[in-house]
N, C-alpha and C. Protein backbone atom coordinates (compact mmCIF):
# COMPACT_ATOMS: atom_id res chain seq x y z
N UNK A 1 -9.97 3.57 -1.08
CA UNK A 1 -9.69 2.25 -0.45
C UNK A 1 -9.37 2.89 0.94
N UNK A 2 -8.18 3.90 1.19
CA UNK A 2 -8.08 4.37 2.31
C UNK A 2 -8.95 5.07 3.26
N UNK A 3 -9.72 5.63 2.43
CA UNK A 3 -11.24 6.38 3.12
C UNK A 3 -11.95 5.41 3.65
N UNK A 4 -12.17 4.22 2.96
CA UNK A 4 -12.91 3.47 3.53
C UNK A 4 -12.51 2.62 4.47
N UNK A 5 -11.18 2.35 4.53
CA UNK A 5 -10.47 1.62 5.84
C UNK A 5 -10.40 2.33 7.12
N UNK A 6 -10.57 4.12 6.93
CA UNK A 6 -10.51 4.90 7.91
C UNK A 6 -12.13 4.89 8.62
N UNK A 7 -12.84 4.61 7.61
CA UNK A 7 -14.39 4.76 8.10
C UNK A 7 -14.74 3.49 8.81
N UNK A 8 -14.00 2.26 8.30
CA UNK A 8 -14.19 1.16 8.90
C UNK A 8 -13.74 1.17 10.49
N UNK A 9 -12.30 1.84 10.78
CA UNK A 9 -11.80 1.93 12.26
C UNK A 9 -12.91 2.98 13.01
N UNK A 10 -13.41 4.02 12.28
CA UNK A 10 -14.48 4.47 12.97
C UNK A 10 -15.52 3.95 13.74
N UNK A 11 -16.15 2.96 12.62
CA UNK A 11 -17.06 2.04 12.95
C UNK A 11 -16.95 0.94 13.88
N UNK A 12 -15.41 0.72 13.85
CA UNK A 12 -14.83 -0.19 14.88
C UNK A 12 -14.93 0.41 16.54
N UNK A 13 -14.41 2.01 16.42
CA UNK A 13 -14.17 2.58 17.56
C UNK A 13 -15.65 2.65 18.21
N UNK A 14 -16.54 2.65 17.18
CA UNK A 14 -18.05 3.17 17.91
C UNK A 14 -18.82 1.60 18.14
N UNK A 15 -18.28 0.70 17.66
CA UNK A 15 -18.82 -0.87 18.16
C UNK A 15 -19.87 -0.96 17.23
N UNK A 16 -19.83 -0.37 16.00
CA UNK A 16 -20.74 -0.57 14.68
C UNK A 16 -20.01 -1.69 13.92
N UNK A 17 -20.24 -2.80 14.25
CA UNK A 17 -19.48 -4.02 13.47
C UNK A 17 -20.32 -4.03 12.01
N UNK A 18 -21.64 -3.91 11.89
CA UNK A 18 -22.14 -3.99 10.70
C UNK A 18 -21.81 -3.02 9.77
N UNK A 19 -21.30 -1.44 10.26
CA UNK A 19 -20.63 -0.63 9.59
C UNK A 19 -18.94 -1.08 8.83
N UNK A 20 -18.34 -1.79 9.87
CA UNK A 20 -17.14 -2.20 9.65
C UNK A 20 -17.49 -3.33 8.42
N UNK A 21 -18.17 -4.29 8.59
CA UNK A 21 -18.49 -5.21 7.66
C UNK A 21 -18.59 -4.40 6.08
N UNK A 22 -19.55 -3.59 6.22
CA UNK A 22 -19.91 -2.92 4.79
C UNK A 22 -18.59 -2.21 4.13
N UNK A 23 -18.08 -1.37 5.17
CA UNK A 23 -16.62 -0.66 4.51
C UNK A 23 -15.32 -1.55 4.01
N UNK A 24 -15.66 -2.83 4.97
CA UNK A 24 -14.16 -3.60 4.39
C UNK A 24 -14.97 -4.68 3.07
N UNK A 25 -16.30 -4.85 2.93
CA UNK A 25 -16.44 -5.32 1.55
C UNK A 25 -16.21 -4.52 0.47
N UNK A 26 -16.53 -3.11 0.75
CA UNK A 26 -16.00 -2.23 -0.50
C UNK A 26 -14.56 -2.22 -0.78
N UNK A 27 -13.81 -2.34 0.32
CA UNK A 27 -12.38 -2.51 -0.02
C UNK A 27 -12.03 -3.92 -0.60
N UNK A 28 -12.37 -4.98 -0.43
CA UNK A 28 -12.66 -6.35 -1.01
C UNK A 28 -12.71 -6.21 -2.26
N UNK A 29 -13.77 -5.57 -2.82
CA UNK A 29 -14.33 -5.37 -3.91
C UNK A 29 -13.42 -4.64 -4.81
N UNK A 30 -13.03 -3.70 -4.29
CA UNK A 30 -12.05 -2.75 -4.74
C UNK A 30 -10.65 -3.51 -5.21
N UNK A 31 -10.17 -4.28 -4.40
CA UNK A 31 -8.85 -4.87 -4.50
C UNK A 31 -9.05 -6.19 -5.39
N UNK A 32 -10.25 -6.84 -5.66
CA UNK A 32 -10.64 -7.80 -6.35
C UNK A 32 -10.71 -7.38 -7.78
N UNK A 33 -11.24 -6.37 -8.15
CA UNK A 33 -11.04 -5.78 -9.62
C UNK A 33 -9.78 -5.78 -10.10
N UNK A 34 -8.63 -5.19 -9.64
CA UNK A 34 -7.32 -5.09 -10.31
C UNK A 34 -7.04 -6.58 -10.72
N UNK A 35 -7.08 -7.34 -9.45
CA UNK A 35 -6.98 -8.84 -9.90
C UNK A 35 -7.33 -9.67 -10.88
N UNK A 36 -8.71 -9.41 -10.96
CA UNK A 36 -9.20 -9.91 -12.27
C UNK A 36 -8.79 -9.52 -13.45
N UNK A 37 -8.56 -7.77 -13.79
CA UNK A 37 -8.26 -7.27 -14.92
C UNK A 37 -6.77 -8.03 -15.10
N UNK A 38 -5.85 -8.23 -14.26
CA UNK A 38 -4.64 -8.71 -14.60
C UNK A 38 -4.63 -10.11 -15.05
N UNK A 39 -5.33 -10.97 -14.33
CA UNK A 39 -5.72 -12.37 -15.01
C UNK A 39 -6.26 -12.43 -16.18
N UNK A 40 -7.17 -11.44 -16.58
CA UNK A 40 -7.73 -11.49 -17.84
C UNK A 40 -6.67 -11.01 -18.86
N UNK A 41 -5.84 -10.28 -18.59
CA UNK A 41 -5.02 -9.56 -19.57
C UNK A 41 -3.83 -10.45 -19.89
N UNK A 42 -3.48 -11.20 -18.76
CA UNK A 42 -2.47 -12.55 -18.92
C UNK A 42 -2.97 -13.77 -19.75
N UNK A 43 -4.51 -13.81 -19.70
CA UNK A 43 -5.11 -15.07 -20.14
C UNK A 43 -5.49 -14.64 -21.59
N UNK A 44 -5.75 -13.58 -22.11
CA UNK A 44 -6.23 -12.82 -23.33
C UNK A 44 -5.11 -12.98 -24.19
N UNK A 45 -5.28 -13.39 -25.54
CA UNK A 45 -4.20 -13.14 -26.61
C UNK A 45 -3.99 -11.57 -26.66
N UNK A 46 -5.03 -10.95 -26.83
CA UNK A 46 -4.49 -9.55 -27.26
C UNK A 46 -4.14 -8.73 -25.86
N UNK A 47 -4.20 -9.37 -24.48
CA UNK A 47 -3.32 -8.96 -23.38
C UNK A 47 -4.07 -7.37 -22.79
N UNK A 48 -3.18 -6.30 -22.60
CA UNK A 48 -3.49 -5.36 -22.10
C UNK A 48 -4.40 -4.32 -22.81
N UNK A 49 -4.41 -4.55 -24.14
CA UNK A 49 -4.86 -3.76 -25.19
C UNK A 49 -6.43 -4.24 -25.08
N UNK A 50 -6.86 -5.38 -24.50
CA UNK A 50 -8.54 -5.74 -24.53
C UNK A 50 -8.70 -5.07 -22.95
N UNK A 51 -7.88 -5.02 -22.17
CA UNK A 51 -8.50 -4.35 -20.97
C UNK A 51 -8.39 -2.81 -21.16
N UNK A 52 -7.83 -2.42 -21.84
CA UNK A 52 -7.84 -0.73 -22.00
C UNK A 52 -9.00 -0.41 -22.81
N UNK A 53 -9.31 -1.46 -23.60
CA UNK A 53 -10.68 -1.23 -24.36
C UNK A 53 -11.87 -1.53 -23.77
N UNK A 54 -11.56 -2.32 -22.74
CA UNK A 54 -12.75 -2.76 -21.77
C UNK A 54 -13.07 -1.39 -21.00
N UNK A 55 -11.90 -1.11 -20.08
CA UNK A 55 -11.94 -0.08 -19.14
C UNK A 55 -12.48 1.26 -20.00
N UNK A 56 -12.10 1.50 -21.41
CA UNK A 56 -12.54 2.72 -21.97
C UNK A 56 -14.01 2.73 -22.11
N UNK A 57 -14.67 1.68 -22.35
CA UNK A 57 -15.96 1.17 -22.52
C UNK A 57 -16.79 1.54 -21.37
N UNK A 58 -15.99 1.07 -20.14
CA UNK A 58 -16.88 1.42 -18.84
C UNK A 58 -16.84 2.69 -18.33
N UNK A 59 -15.75 3.46 -18.75
CA UNK A 59 -15.83 4.69 -18.55
C UNK A 59 -16.51 5.88 -19.25
N UNK A 60 -16.91 5.52 -20.54
CA UNK A 60 -17.27 6.21 -21.47
C UNK A 60 -19.05 6.23 -21.16
N UNK A 61 -19.46 7.32 -20.78
CA UNK A 61 -21.01 7.76 -20.44
C UNK A 61 -21.59 7.86 -21.56
N UNK A 62 -21.11 8.38 -22.47
CA UNK A 62 -21.93 8.76 -23.70
C UNK A 62 -20.60 8.65 -24.69
N UNK A 63 -21.26 8.93 -26.08
CA UNK A 63 -20.34 8.94 -27.20
C UNK A 63 -19.29 10.21 -27.27
N UNK A 64 -19.63 11.51 -26.76
CA UNK A 64 -18.87 12.71 -26.35
C UNK A 64 -17.71 12.41 -25.57
N UNK A 65 -18.08 11.61 -24.40
CA UNK A 65 -16.98 11.42 -23.42
C UNK A 65 -16.04 10.66 -24.21
N UNK A 66 -16.58 9.38 -25.09
CA UNK A 66 -15.44 8.49 -25.57
C UNK A 66 -14.69 9.32 -26.59
N UNK A 67 -15.52 10.06 -27.22
CA UNK A 67 -14.63 10.92 -28.13
C UNK A 67 -13.27 11.79 -27.38
N UNK A 68 -13.66 12.35 -26.25
CA UNK A 68 -12.71 12.92 -25.55
C UNK A 68 -11.58 12.15 -25.08
N UNK A 69 -11.86 10.98 -24.52
CA UNK A 69 -11.06 9.83 -24.02
C UNK A 69 -10.04 9.55 -25.44
N UNK A 70 -10.75 9.35 -26.50
CA UNK A 70 -9.82 8.61 -27.62
C UNK A 70 -8.82 10.08 -27.96
N UNK A 71 -9.28 11.20 -28.03
CA UNK A 71 -8.65 12.41 -28.29
C UNK A 71 -7.54 12.53 -27.37
N UNK A 72 -7.55 12.09 -26.14
CA UNK A 72 -6.43 12.44 -25.22
C UNK A 72 -5.79 11.55 -25.18
N UNK A 73 -5.93 10.28 -25.65
CA UNK A 73 -5.10 9.05 -25.68
C UNK A 73 -4.37 9.27 -26.97
N UNK A 74 -4.58 9.83 -28.13
CA UNK A 74 -3.97 10.13 -29.25
C UNK A 74 -2.72 11.26 -28.93
N UNK A 75 -3.16 12.12 -27.94
CA UNK A 75 -2.43 13.17 -27.75
C UNK A 75 -1.09 12.74 -27.04
N UNK A 76 -1.68 12.01 -25.76
CA UNK A 76 -0.64 11.28 -25.00
C UNK A 76 0.66 10.61 -25.91
N UNK A 77 0.01 9.74 -26.75
CA UNK A 77 0.76 8.86 -27.53
C UNK A 77 1.73 9.92 -28.32
N UNK A 78 1.34 10.84 -28.96
CA UNK A 78 2.15 11.83 -29.87
C UNK A 78 3.18 12.25 -28.97
N UNK A 79 2.86 12.75 -27.64
CA UNK A 79 4.13 13.14 -26.72
C UNK A 79 4.88 12.18 -26.43
N UNK A 80 4.60 10.97 -26.30
CA UNK A 80 5.44 10.05 -26.04
C UNK A 80 6.41 9.68 -27.19
N UNK A 81 6.07 9.77 -28.24
CA UNK A 81 6.76 9.58 -29.70
C UNK A 81 7.80 10.69 -29.57
N UNK A 82 7.28 12.11 -29.56
CA UNK A 82 8.03 13.23 -29.51
C UNK A 82 9.43 13.28 -28.35
N UNK A 83 8.90 12.49 -27.32
CA UNK A 83 10.17 12.65 -26.29
C UNK A 83 11.17 11.35 -26.70
N UNK A 84 10.55 10.39 -27.44
CA UNK A 84 11.36 9.33 -27.75
C UNK A 84 12.37 9.66 -28.91
N UNK A 85 12.01 10.49 -29.71
CA UNK A 85 12.56 11.24 -30.78
C UNK A 85 13.78 12.03 -30.32
N UNK A 86 13.56 12.84 -29.01
CA UNK A 86 14.62 14.00 -28.61
C UNK A 86 15.55 13.18 -27.89
């Protein structure tokens, strides 16, 4: 987002208002997504688990990538459990 803001400033200094609008719309879309996710998690009985599932599906480009993501999640959870025991 910071890159888009900087680009918007560059467009502003150049007098390119159309470029400014384009970059600010990108920033606005980026800011709206987390707000929607938070509202969804708050309203859903499954809460953040549903959000995590949705985002993993969104990130997964293919089944191999999804398997890698699940593997990373499991290793991270294992590390967290080991730290709690120590």
